[in-house]
Amino acid sequence: QVQLVESGGGLVQAGGSLRLSCAASGRAFGSSDMGWFRQAPGKDREFVAAINWSGGSIYYADSVKGRFTISRDNAKNTVYLQMNSLKPEDTAVYSCAARAGKRYVLSTLTNEYNYWGQGTQVTVSS
């Protein structure tokens, strides 16, 4: 089993920055791809960013490319999402997810991740 706990959400003005953290428990973190997803009110959950088990492969949604940075620290069992130049349309509940087992192709699909955190609210005001 893998347990994930997100933190770092909050209220920020447009153009501001926020860093989200996802702390993982369980012994499988180092062999799990990790993803960040978000869900705005009334909308489907959408992919934000993913990083593979080693940190050597990263992929971003077009909507956040150039503004967000995903990273991980396997020694701390933590994955991060640095969010810069935030826009009101970034407002959502952000969740981290784990895809257990070493992979070679990153996934953007919600149903291909098998462990999820509780989510943390990010609100960007205009």
C-alpha atoms as a PDB file:
ATOM      1  CA  GLN A   1       0.000   0.000   0.000  1.00  0.00           C
ATOM      2  CA  VAL A   2       0.979   3.615  -0.606  1.00  0.00           C
ATOM      3  CA  GLN A   3      -0.469   6.527   1.334  1.00  0.00           C
ATOM      4  CA  LEU A   4      -0.195  10.059  -0.013  1.00  0.00           C
ATOM      5  CA  VAL A   5      -0.768  13.347   1.799  1.00  0.00           C
ATOM      6  CA  GLU A   6      -0.762  16.663  -0.040  1.00  0.00           C
ATOM      7  CA  SER A   7      -0.017  20.015   1.532  1.00  0.00           C
ATOM      8  CA  GLY A   8       0.810  23.565   0.518  1.00  0.00           C
ATOM      9  CA  GLY A   9      -2.447  24.697  -1.012  1.00  0.00           C
ATOM     10  CA  GLY A  10      -3.972  28.045  -0.244  1.00  0.00           C
ATOM     11  CA  LEU A  11      -5.161  31.364  -1.581  1.00  0.00           C
ATOM     12  CA  VAL A  12      -2.890  33.368  -3.837  1.00  0.00           C
ATOM     13  CA  GLN A  13      -3.301  36.317  -6.178  1.00  0.00           C
ATOM     14  CA  ALA A  14      -2.939  35.941  -9.920  1.00  0.00           C
ATOM     15  CA  GLY A  15       0.716  35.992 -10.873  1.00  0.00           C
ATOM     16  CA  GLY A  16       1.776  34.546  -7.554  1.00  0.00           C
ATOM     17  CA  SER A  17       3.458  31.279  -6.697  1.00  0.00           C
ATOM     18  CA  LEU A  18       2.731  28.265  -4.565  1.00  0.00           C
ATOM     19  CA  ARG A  19       4.548  25.018  -3.889  1.00  0.00           C
ATOM     20  CA  LEU A  20       2.617  21.843  -3.257  1.00  0.00           C
ATOM     21  CA  SER A  21       4.102  18.836  -1.517  1.00  0.00           C
ATOM     22  CA  CYS A  22       2.998  15.238  -1.518  1.00  0.00           C
ATOM     23  CA  ALA A  23       4.421  13.055   1.220  1.00  0.00           C
ATOM     24  CA  ALA A  24       4.298   9.334   0.602  1.00  0.00           C
ATOM     25  CA  SER A  25       4.399   6.482   3.050  1.00  0.00           C
ATOM     26  CA  GLY A  26       5.051   2.919   2.118  1.00  0.00           C
ATOM     27  CA  ARG A  27       8.068   1.231   0.669  1.00  0.00           C
ATOM     28  CA  ALA A  28       7.077   1.478  -2.991  1.00  0.00           C
ATOM     29  CA  PHE A  29       7.621   5.221  -3.545  1.00  0.00           C
ATOM     30  CA  GLY A  30      11.011   4.792  -5.157  1.00  0.00           C
ATOM     31  CA  SER A  31       9.566   2.482  -7.774  1.00  0.00           C
ATOM     32  CA  SER A  32       6.413   4.504  -8.490  1.00  0.00           C
ATOM     33  CA  ASP A  33       5.687   7.084 -11.144  1.00  0.00           C
ATOM     34  CA  MET A  34       3.981  10.105  -9.616  1.00  0.00           C
ATOM     35  CA  GLY A  35       1.445  12.482 -11.057  1.00  0.00           C
ATOM     36  CA  TRP A  36      -0.346  15.675 -10.167  1.00  0.00           C
ATOM     37  CA  PHE A  37      -3.969  16.141 -11.200  1.00  0.00           C
ATOM     38  CA  ARG A  38      -6.483  18.869 -10.543  1.00  0.00           C
ATOM     39  CA  GLN A  39     -10.234  19.187 -10.519  1.00  0.00           C
ATOM     40  CA  ALA A  40     -12.103  22.467 -10.723  1.00  0.00           C
ATOM     41  CA  PRO A  41     -15.746  22.775  -9.634  1.00  0.00           C
ATOM     42  CA  GLY A  42     -18.069  21.278 -12.211  1.00  0.00           C
ATOM     43  CA  LYS A  43     -15.236  19.939 -14.327  1.00  0.00           C
ATOM     44  CA  ASP A  44     -13.525  16.609 -14.825  1.00  0.00           C
ATOM     45  CA  ARG A  45     -10.244  15.837 -13.176  1.00  0.00           C
ATOM     46  CA  GLU A  46      -7.402  16.779 -15.498  1.00  0.00           C
ATOM     47  CA  PHE A  47      -3.772  15.885 -15.762  1.00  0.00           C
ATOM     48  CA  VAL A  48      -1.197  18.455 -14.681  1.00  0.00           C
ATOM     49  CA  ALA A  49       2.244  16.847 -14.544  1.00  0.00           C
ATOM     50  CA  ALA A  50       3.989  13.518 -14.096  1.00  0.00           C
ATOM     51  CA  ILE A  51       7.440  12.342 -13.112  1.00  0.00           C
ATOM     52  CA  ASN A  52       8.756   8.833 -13.398  1.00  0.00           C
ATOM     53  CA  TRP A  53      10.160   6.686 -10.618  1.00  0.00           C
ATOM     54  CA  SER A  54      13.733   7.925 -11.028  1.00  0.00           C
ATOM     55  CA  GLY A  55      12.911  11.563 -11.770  1.00  0.00           C
ATOM     56  CA  GLY A  56      14.527  11.304 -15.167  1.00  0.00           C
ATOM     57  CA  SER A  57      11.354  11.641 -17.216  1.00  0.00           C
ATOM     58  CA  ILE A  58       8.862  14.493 -16.838  1.00  0.00           C
ATOM     59  CA  TYR A  59       5.764  15.519 -18.734  1.00  0.00           C
ATOM     60  CA  TYR A  60       3.477  18.546 -18.394  1.00  0.00           C
ATOM     61  CA  ALA A  61       0.053  19.460 -19.619  1.00  0.00           C
ATOM     62  CA  ASP A  62       0.194  22.240 -22.195  1.00  0.00           C
ATOM     63  CA  SER A  63      -1.829  24.485 -19.906  1.00  0.00           C
ATOM     64  CA  VAL A  64       0.913  24.555 -17.256  1.00  0.00           C
ATOM     65  CA  LYS A  65       4.062  24.081 -19.314  1.00  0.00           C
ATOM     66  CA  GLY A  66       6.578  26.793 -18.551  1.00  0.00           C
ATOM     67  CA  ARG A  67       4.816  27.769 -15.337  1.00  0.00           C
ATOM     68  CA  PHE A  68       4.775  24.602 -13.212  1.00  0.00           C
ATOM     69  CA  THR A  69       7.667  22.362 -12.228  1.00  0.00           C
ATOM     70  CA  ILE A  70       7.345  18.843 -10.870  1.00  0.00           C
ATOM     71  CA  SER A  71      10.173  17.282  -8.903  1.00  0.00           C
ATOM     72  CA  ARG A  72      10.753  14.516  -6.409  1.00  0.00           C
ATOM     73  CA  ASP A  73      13.066  13.678  -3.557  1.00  0.00           C
ATOM     74  CA  ASN A  74      13.115   9.938  -3.135  1.00  0.00           C
ATOM     75  CA  ALA A  75      15.187  10.202   0.037  1.00  0.00           C
ATOM     76  CA  LYS A  76      12.293  12.126   1.602  1.00  0.00           C
ATOM     77  CA  ASN A  77       9.537  10.170  -0.134  1.00  0.00           C
ATOM     78  CA  THR A  78       8.125  13.448  -1.414  1.00  0.00           C
ATOM     79  CA  VAL A  79       7.015  14.849  -4.748  1.00  0.00           C
ATOM     80  CA  TYR A  80       6.604  18.579  -5.326  1.00  0.00           C
ATOM     81  CA  LEU A  81       4.742  20.854  -7.664  1.00  0.00           C
ATOM     82  CA  GLN A  82       6.126  24.364  -7.920  1.00  0.00           C
ATOM     83  CA  MET A  83       3.480  26.624  -9.426  1.00  0.00           C
ATOM     84  CA  ASN A  84       4.484  30.026 -10.750  1.00  0.00           C
ATOM     85  CA  SER A  85       2.596  32.717 -12.647  1.00  0.00           C
ATOM     86  CA  LEU A  86      -0.671  31.373 -11.326  1.00  0.00           C
ATOM     87  CA  LYS A  87      -3.889  32.206 -13.118  1.00  0.00           C
ATOM     88  CA  PRO A  88      -7.489  32.149 -11.891  1.00  0.00           C
ATOM     89  CA  GLU A  89      -8.121  29.172 -14.161  1.00  0.00           C
ATOM     90  CA  ASP A  90      -5.588  27.214 -12.096  1.00  0.00           C
ATOM     91  CA  THR A  91      -8.069  27.214  -9.218  1.00  0.00           C
ATOM     92  CA  ALA A  92      -8.828  23.598  -8.333  1.00  0.00           C
ATOM     93  CA  VAL A  93      -8.302  20.816  -5.866  1.00  0.00           C
ATOM     94  CA  TYR A  94      -4.868  19.408  -6.595  1.00  0.00           C
ATOM     95  CA  SER A  95      -4.208  15.738  -5.920  1.00  0.00           C
ATOM     96  CA  CYS A  96      -1.090  13.667  -6.194  1.00  0.00           C
ATOM     97  CA  ALA A  97      -1.239  10.103  -7.393  1.00  0.00           C
ATOM     98  CA  ALA A  98       1.066   7.123  -7.554  1.00  0.00           C
ATOM     99  CA  ARG A  99       1.413   4.552 -10.297  1.00  0.00           C
ATOM    100  CA  ALA A 100       3.048   1.606  -8.631  1.00  0.00           C
ATOM    101  CA  GLY A 101       5.763  -0.347 -10.363  1.00  0.00           C
ATOM    102  CA  LYS A 102       8.578   0.852 -12.540  1.00  0.00           C
ATOM    103  CA  ARG A 103       7.332   2.091 -15.908  1.00  0.00           C
ATOM    104  CA  TYR A 104       8.933   3.404 -19.053  1.00  0.00           C
ATOM    105  CA  VAL A 105       6.148   5.583 -20.428  1.00  0.00           C
ATOM    106  CA  LEU A 106       4.452   8.259 -18.320  1.00  0.00           C
ATOM    107  CA  SER A 107       0.680   8.286 -18.123  1.00  0.00           C
ATOM    108  CA  THR A 108      -1.688  11.257 -18.184  1.00  0.00           C
ATOM    109  CA  LEU A 109      -4.752   9.125 -17.477  1.00  0.00           C
ATOM    110  CA  THR A 110      -6.489   9.199 -14.116  1.00  0.00           C
ATOM    111  CA  ASN A 111      -7.471   5.546 -14.218  1.00  0.00           C
ATOM    112  CA  GLU A 112      -3.888   4.396 -14.669  1.00  0.00           C
ATOM    113  CA  TYR A 113      -2.874   5.680 -11.232  1.00  0.00           C
ATOM    114  CA  ASN A 114      -3.809   3.438  -8.352  1.00  0.00           C
ATOM    115  CA  TYR A 115      -3.102   5.507  -5.217  1.00  0.00           C
ATOM    116  CA  TRP A 116      -4.402   8.982  -4.473  1.00  0.00           C
ATOM    117  CA  GLY A 117      -4.007  11.638  -1.839  1.00  0.00           C
ATOM    118  CA  GLN A 118      -6.867  13.581  -0.304  1.00  0.00           C
ATOM    119  CA  GLY A 119      -6.208  16.719  -2.321  1.00  0.00           C
ATOM    120  CA  THR A 120      -5.315  20.278  -1.407  1.00  0.00           C
ATOM    121  CA  GLN A 121      -7.244  23.364  -2.461  1.00  0.00           C
ATOM    122  CA  VAL A 122      -5.552  25.995  -4.589  1.00  0.00           C
ATOM    123  CA  THR A 123      -7.464  29.210  -5.147  1.00  0.00           C
ATOM    124  CA  VAL A 124      -6.118  31.947  -7.397  1.00  0.00           C
ATOM    125  CA  SER A 125      -7.860  35.280  -7.152  1.00  0.00           C
ATOM    126  CA  SER A 126      -8.040  37.844  -9.924  1.00  0.00           C
END
